[in-house]
Structures are given as structure tokens and as C-alpha cells.
């Protein structure tokens, strides 16, 4: 199965690292919600800041050890003075309402995870949240996906890359990956001719449509950006009630 498709995390396999396909450097001051997730000292996934205490990413980015989160970064080699580091004190995978075990996060049919930070972050020019969706973007919408996946076979960029892709009918992804069961909690995006796509190293990152978080990078074909192999994304709108129940300071779960 892994020879046919891949979750888009960068360290799970010894396959050649991949990248945002057909994209370019994201505008420096236009992604304050984009965060990097680290396994010890190695970045491995991306995520999105929802508020001062919470990150959203893909369930397959789960770690048994704490996840380190870097916020406010653009060029990894050029500190801007207002970056922030946090660590996870709780991880929540659907449908859990209490801190999660790996068995729940292993069910990638619901490829979504919330990360509780150890302390609140202060917003600034380079750190601020992205809005959750108040509607589900329709097929045909053009959206931007972003991440730090590699830009050549062996080179990861120091800056995030962005690419505009199109939301497609789900049957295109079902046809591309017949062993994978597409559900209404997923959507298909990319181009049937290929060339523009997210890929390994971009897992958990945001797909942004009209200023709202519509999707989370989940899985797709290998190699990436091939014709008739668009990407599969978690549909955030389908999980709004679960997200809001956990983030709510009164109704949300306790942390220990």
C-alpha cells in the first residue's frame, strides 16, 4: 500500500523526500498561522494556529513523545526576533474528547489532530490564528496549500512554499486510489494534469480558501504531482463541532 500512496509526513519512510510541487516561496508576512512541528530537533509536519493555545494538524503526525512547535518562522536561517517555541501537553484525535493514545490517531480515516500547547502564545505580526470555516468550499474553488516539504530530491527549503490548487470532485481521488475509501470528511484537490500538489514533508499543513482553513494535508500519490493523482485533504468543516467542544474553555476537557 505504501508503494502506491503516502501520507505526506517527512520521516515515516526512507523514500526520497518530496515537496510542494509547482509552487513558490510564500509571501513572508502572509502566513502567521503556519507552524512547524518537530520530533526532537527534526521538523516533520506542519500545522495551523487556531488560537493562542491550540494547533490543528493531521492525526498521522501524532508522536508518543512531546511535539515541539515552532511559531512565527519564515526563513529558518534568519531569526526575526518574534518567533516562539512551545511543546505539546495534550494531543486529541477524533473522536476523543480526552488526551489521545496512538491507537486512536492510527485511524487515518479521520486524519485530524488537535495539539494543546504548554503555554499561550502572544500574537504579533508573524504569529496569529487562522479562522475555522463557516461553510464548506465547493468543488471548483481555488485554494492555497503551504508547507516546508523539499524543493528538490535532497534539499529542504529554508522557507515555506505555497501553491494554488483546485478543489475537485471526490471520485477523482477514489479513482486514483481505489484501495482507499473516500468519505464525506475528505476532499480531493489538485489538477488532473498534475504538476501542482502538496507532498511528503507537507503533512498536517493548511489548505486555505478565502481566508479560512478548509483542509489539512493528508495523503496522495507517489511520486507527487503526477497526472490523475490529486491529493486527499481532511475536510475541516466536517469536524467543527468536535473542534469547538475541545477548544471551548468551559466545556472542553481537563488537562493533566
Protein backbone atom coordinates (compact mmCIF):
# COMPACT_ATOMS: atom_id res chain seq x y z
CA UNK A 1 0.00 0.00 0.00
CA UNK A 2 2.81 2.44 0.83
CA UNK A 3 4.24 1.89 -2.62
CA UNK A 4 1.02 3.22 -4.10
CA UNK A 5 0.26 6.20 -1.89
CA UNK A 6 1.75 8.03 1.04
CA UNK A 7 0.77 10.11 3.99
CA UNK A 8 2.62 13.32 3.48
CA UNK A 9 4.83 13.28 6.57
CA UNK A 10 8.56 13.52 6.01
CA UNK A 11 10.13 10.92 8.32
CA UNK A 12 7.89 7.86 8.22
CA UNK A 13 9.71 6.15 5.37
CA UNK A 14 13.12 6.09 3.77
CA UNK A 15 11.60 7.19 0.46
CA UNK A 16 13.13 10.25 -1.24
CA UNK A 17 11.84 13.42 0.45
CA UNK A 18 9.21 15.34 -1.51
CA UNK A 19 7.92 18.90 -1.64
CA UNK A 20 5.22 21.36 -2.56
CA UNK A 21 5.08 20.66 -6.28
CA UNK A 22 4.94 23.55 -8.74
CA UNK A 23 4.90 26.22 -6.04
CA UNK A 24 6.98 29.18 -4.97
CA UNK A 25 8.10 30.84 -1.75
CA UNK A 26 5.14 32.01 0.32
CA UNK A 27 4.93 35.79 0.85
CA UNK A 28 6.88 36.41 4.05
CA UNK A 29 4.21 38.18 6.09
CA UNK A 30 1.15 36.29 4.84
CA UNK A 31 1.24 33.01 6.78
CA UNK A 32 1.28 33.94 10.51
CA UNK A 33 -0.81 30.86 11.34
CA UNK A 34 1.61 28.36 9.75
CA UNK A 35 3.67 26.39 12.29
CA UNK A 36 6.34 23.70 12.14
CA UNK A 37 6.15 20.53 14.22
CA UNK A 38 9.39 18.96 15.44
CA UNK A 39 10.32 15.47 16.55
CA UNK A 40 13.15 16.44 18.90
CA UNK A 41 15.35 18.56 16.58
CA UNK A 42 13.86 17.45 13.26
CA UNK A 43 10.89 19.15 11.57
CA UNK A 44 8.47 16.53 10.27
CA UNK A 45 5.00 18.07 9.85
CA UNK A 46 3.24 21.40 9.60
CA UNK A 47 0.19 22.70 11.42
CA UNK A 48 -2.08 25.69 11.85
CA UNK A 49 -2.56 28.00 14.83
CA UNK A 50 -6.24 28.13 15.83
CA UNK A 51 -5.90 30.33 18.90
CA UNK A 52 -3.27 31.18 21.50
CA UNK A 53 -3.35 27.67 22.98
CA UNK A 54 -4.17 25.25 20.16
CA UNK A 55 -2.69 23.85 16.95
CA UNK A 56 -4.53 21.73 14.37
CA UNK A 57 -2.72 19.19 12.19
CA UNK A 58 -3.09 15.67 10.76
CA UNK A 59 -3.60 12.63 13.01
CA UNK A 60 -0.76 10.80 11.28
CA UNK A 61 1.57 13.49 12.70
CA UNK A 62 0.99 12.03 16.18
CA UNK A 63 4.05 11.31 18.33
CA UNK A 64 4.16 9.35 21.57
CA UNK A 65 6.76 11.82 22.82
CA UNK A 66 6.03 15.50 23.15
CA UNK A 67 5.74 17.51 19.95
CA UNK A 68 7.79 20.69 19.71
CA UNK A 69 6.05 23.56 17.92
CA UNK A 70 7.79 26.49 16.26
CA UNK A 71 5.64 29.53 15.51
CA UNK A 72 6.31 32.74 13.60
CA UNK A 73 9.06 31.32 11.40
CA UNK A 74 9.68 32.09 7.73
CA UNK A 75 13.36 31.71 6.85
CA UNK A 76 14.81 29.18 9.25
CA UNK A 77 18.27 30.73 8.91
CA UNK A 78 17.18 34.32 9.58
CA UNK A 79 15.65 34.86 13.05
CA UNK A 80 13.12 37.68 13.19
CA UNK A 81 13.13 38.07 16.96
CA UNK A 82 9.45 37.28 17.48
CA UNK A 83 9.40 33.53 16.88
CA UNK A 84 8.12 31.28 19.66
CA UNK A 85 8.66 27.68 20.77
CA UNK A 86 6.09 25.60 22.61
CA UNK A 87 5.64 21.91 23.41
CA UNK A 88 2.52 19.77 23.45
CA UNK A 89 0.82 18.91 26.73
CA UNK A 90 -2.09 17.09 25.10
CA UNK A 91 -2.96 15.62 21.71
CA UNK A 92 -6.52 14.89 20.65
CA UNK A 93 -7.58 12.77 17.68
CA UNK A 94 -11.18 12.41 16.56
CA UNK A 95 -13.49 11.35 18.16
CA UNK A 96 -11.67 11.55 21.52
CA UNK A 97 -12.55 14.32 23.94
CA UNK A 98 -9.65 13.49 26.25
CA UNK A 99 -5.94 13.31 25.52
CA UNK A 100 -5.36 10.65 22.90
CA UNK A 101 -3.42 7.42 22.57
CA UNK A 102 -1.67 6.30 19.42
CA UNK A 103 -4.38 3.73 18.68
CA UNK A 104 -6.96 6.45 18.06
CA UNK A 105 -4.61 8.55 15.96
CA UNK A 106 -3.75 5.49 13.88
CA UNK A 107 -7.24 5.55 12.33
CA UNK A 108 -6.38 7.83 9.43
CA UNK A 109 -9.92 7.83 8.08
CA UNK A 110 -10.28 10.82 10.40
CA UNK A 111 -6.90 12.41 9.76
CA UNK A 112 -7.19 15.32 12.16
CA UNK A 113 -5.49 16.12 15.47
CA UNK A 114 -5.54 18.99 17.94
CA UNK A 115 -2.44 19.90 19.96
CA UNK A 116 -2.71 21.72 23.29
CA UNK A 117 0.30 23.99 23.89
CA UNK A 118 2.10 24.15 27.23
CA UNK A 119 1.56 27.91 27.44
CA UNK A 120 -0.31 30.56 25.50
CA UNK A 121 1.43 32.38 22.66
CA UNK A 122 1.32 36.13 22.25
CA UNK A 123 0.10 37.33 18.88
CA UNK A 124 2.30 39.59 16.78
CA UNK A 125 2.89 40.40 13.12
CA UNK A 126 4.15 36.87 12.46
CA UNK A 127 2.01 34.85 14.90
CA UNK A 128 -1.78 34.96 14.63
CA UNK A 129 -4.52 32.39 14.10
CA UNK A 130 -6.38 31.29 11.00
CA UNK A 131 -10.17 31.22 11.02
CA UNK A 132 -12.08 27.97 11.02
CA UNK A 133 -14.50 27.65 8.09
CA UNK A 134 -18.10 28.82 8.37
CA UNK A 135 -19.02 26.91 5.22
CA UNK A 136 -17.58 24.12 3.09
CA UNK A 137 -15.91 25.46 -0.05
CA UNK A 138 -17.49 23.98 -3.19
CA UNK A 139 -15.85 21.99 -5.96
CA UNK A 140 -14.05 24.34 -8.33
CA UNK A 141 -12.72 26.64 -5.59
CA UNK A 142 -9.05 27.57 -5.87
CA UNK A 143 -7.18 27.35 -2.57
CA UNK A 144 -3.59 27.67 -1.36
CA UNK A 145 -1.67 24.84 0.27
CA UNK A 146 1.64 25.52 2.01
CA UNK A 147 4.47 23.78 3.80
CA UNK A 148 8.19 23.13 4.20
CA UNK A 149 8.42 20.00 2.06
CA UNK A 150 11.60 19.66 -0.02
CA UNK A 151 12.02 21.58 -3.27
CA UNK A 152 14.47 19.13 -4.86
CA UNK A 153 15.01 15.44 -4.28
CA UNK A 154 17.53 16.00 -1.47
CA UNK A 155 17.06 19.63 -0.42
CA UNK A 156 14.52 21.05 2.02
CA UNK A 157 13.87 24.78 1.70
CA UNK A 158 14.57 27.25 4.47
CA UNK A 159 11.28 28.97 3.66
CA UNK A 160 7.74 27.63 3.20
CA UNK A 161 6.38 27.20 -0.30
CA UNK A 162 2.83 27.82 -1.48
CA UNK A 163 0.84 26.61 -4.46
CA UNK A 164 -2.70 27.25 -5.65
CA UNK A 165 -4.74 24.11 -6.35
CA UNK A 166 -8.35 23.39 -7.27
CA UNK A 167 -10.96 21.51 -5.28
CA UNK A 168 -12.13 18.51 -7.33
CA UNK A 169 -14.95 16.00 -7.13
CA UNK A 170 -14.11 13.18 -4.74
CA UNK A 171 -14.50 10.49 -7.37
CA UNK A 172 -11.25 11.64 -8.99
CA UNK A 173 -9.35 10.66 -5.83
CA UNK A 174 -11.39 7.50 -5.43
CA UNK A 175 -10.47 6.52 -8.98
CA UNK A 176 -6.80 7.34 -8.35
CA UNK A 177 -6.63 5.36 -5.09
CA UNK A 178 -9.26 2.58 -5.35
CA UNK A 179 -7.96 0.85 -2.19
CA UNK A 180 -8.72 4.00 -0.16
CA UNK A 181 -12.33 4.74 0.83
CA UNK A 182 -13.11 8.40 0.29
CA UNK A 183 -15.67 9.76 2.77
CA UNK A 184 -17.60 13.00 3.14
CA UNK A 185 -14.98 14.03 5.72
CA UNK A 186 -12.32 14.23 3.00
CA UNK A 187 -11.98 16.14 -0.22
CA UNK A 188 -9.88 15.90 -3.35
CA UNK A 189 -7.74 18.80 -4.62
CA UNK A 190 -5.10 19.40 -7.26
CA UNK A 191 -5.10 19.20 -11.05
CA UNK A 192 -5.78 16.16 -13.19
CA UNK A 193 -2.83 17.09 -15.38
CA UNK A 194 -0.58 17.04 -12.29
CA UNK A 195 2.37 19.42 -11.82
CA UNK A 196 0.95 21.25 -8.76
CA UNK A 197 0.49 19.37 -5.50
CA UNK A 198 1.41 19.01 -1.84
CA UNK A 199 3.71 16.14 -0.93
CA UNK A 200 5.79 14.45 1.80
CA UNK A 201 7.00 16.95 4.36
CA UNK A 202 3.80 19.00 3.99
CA UNK A 203 1.65 16.74 6.18
CA UNK A 204 -0.69 18.49 8.56
CA UNK A 205 -0.34 21.85 6.86
CA UNK A 206 -3.24 24.10 5.92
CA UNK A 207 -5.24 24.36 2.73
CA UNK A 208 -6.58 27.92 2.85
CA UNK A 209 -9.64 29.00 0.87
CA UNK A 210 -10.91 32.58 1.04
CA UNK A 211 -9.04 33.20 4.29
CA UNK A 212 -10.38 30.13 6.08
CA UNK A 213 -8.91 26.75 7.00
CA UNK A 214 -10.78 24.33 4.75
CA UNK A 215 -8.34 21.43 4.56
CA UNK A 216 -5.43 19.61 6.20
CA UNK A 217 -2.78 17.93 4.05
CA UNK A 218 -3.33 14.18 4.39
CA UNK A 219 -2.23 11.80 1.63
CA UNK A 220 -1.71 11.33 -2.08
CA UNK A 221 0.20 9.55 -4.79
CA UNK A 222 3.90 8.85 -5.05
CA UNK A 223 5.72 10.39 -6.83
CA UNK A 224 3.75 13.57 -6.14
CA UNK A 225 2.31 15.85 -8.80
CA UNK A 226 1.67 13.03 -11.26
CA UNK A 227 -1.27 13.21 -13.71
CA UNK A 228 -4.57 11.79 -12.42
CA UNK A 229 -3.24 11.62 -8.84
CA UNK A 230 -4.57 14.65 -6.94
CA UNK A 231 -4.16 14.96 -3.19
CA UNK A 232 -6.56 13.99 -0.42
CA UNK A 233 -7.29 16.51 2.34
CA UNK A 234 -9.17 16.34 5.62
CA UNK A 235 -12.34 18.44 5.39
CA UNK A 236 -12.13 20.65 8.48
CA UNK A 237 -15.75 21.78 8.19
CA UNK A 238 -16.91 18.22 8.95
CA UNK A 239 -15.22 18.36 12.36
CA UNK A 240 -16.30 21.81 13.56
CA UNK A 241 -18.47 20.57 16.42
CA UNK A 242 -15.71 18.29 17.75
CA UNK A 243 -13.11 21.07 17.46
CA UNK A 244 -15.31 23.61 19.19
CA UNK A 245 -16.18 21.21 22.01
CA UNK A 246 -12.49 20.69 22.80
CA UNK A 247 -11.40 24.31 22.39
CA UNK A 248 -14.26 25.70 24.48
CA UNK A 249 -12.72 26.83 27.81
CA UNK A 250 -15.84 25.83 29.77
CA UNK A 251 -16.97 22.64 28.06
CA UNK A 252 -13.58 21.41 26.88
CA UNK A 253 -11.72 18.55 28.59
CA UNK A 254 -9.41 18.96 31.59
CA UNK A 255 -5.66 18.69 31.10
CA UNK A 256 -3.29 16.84 33.38
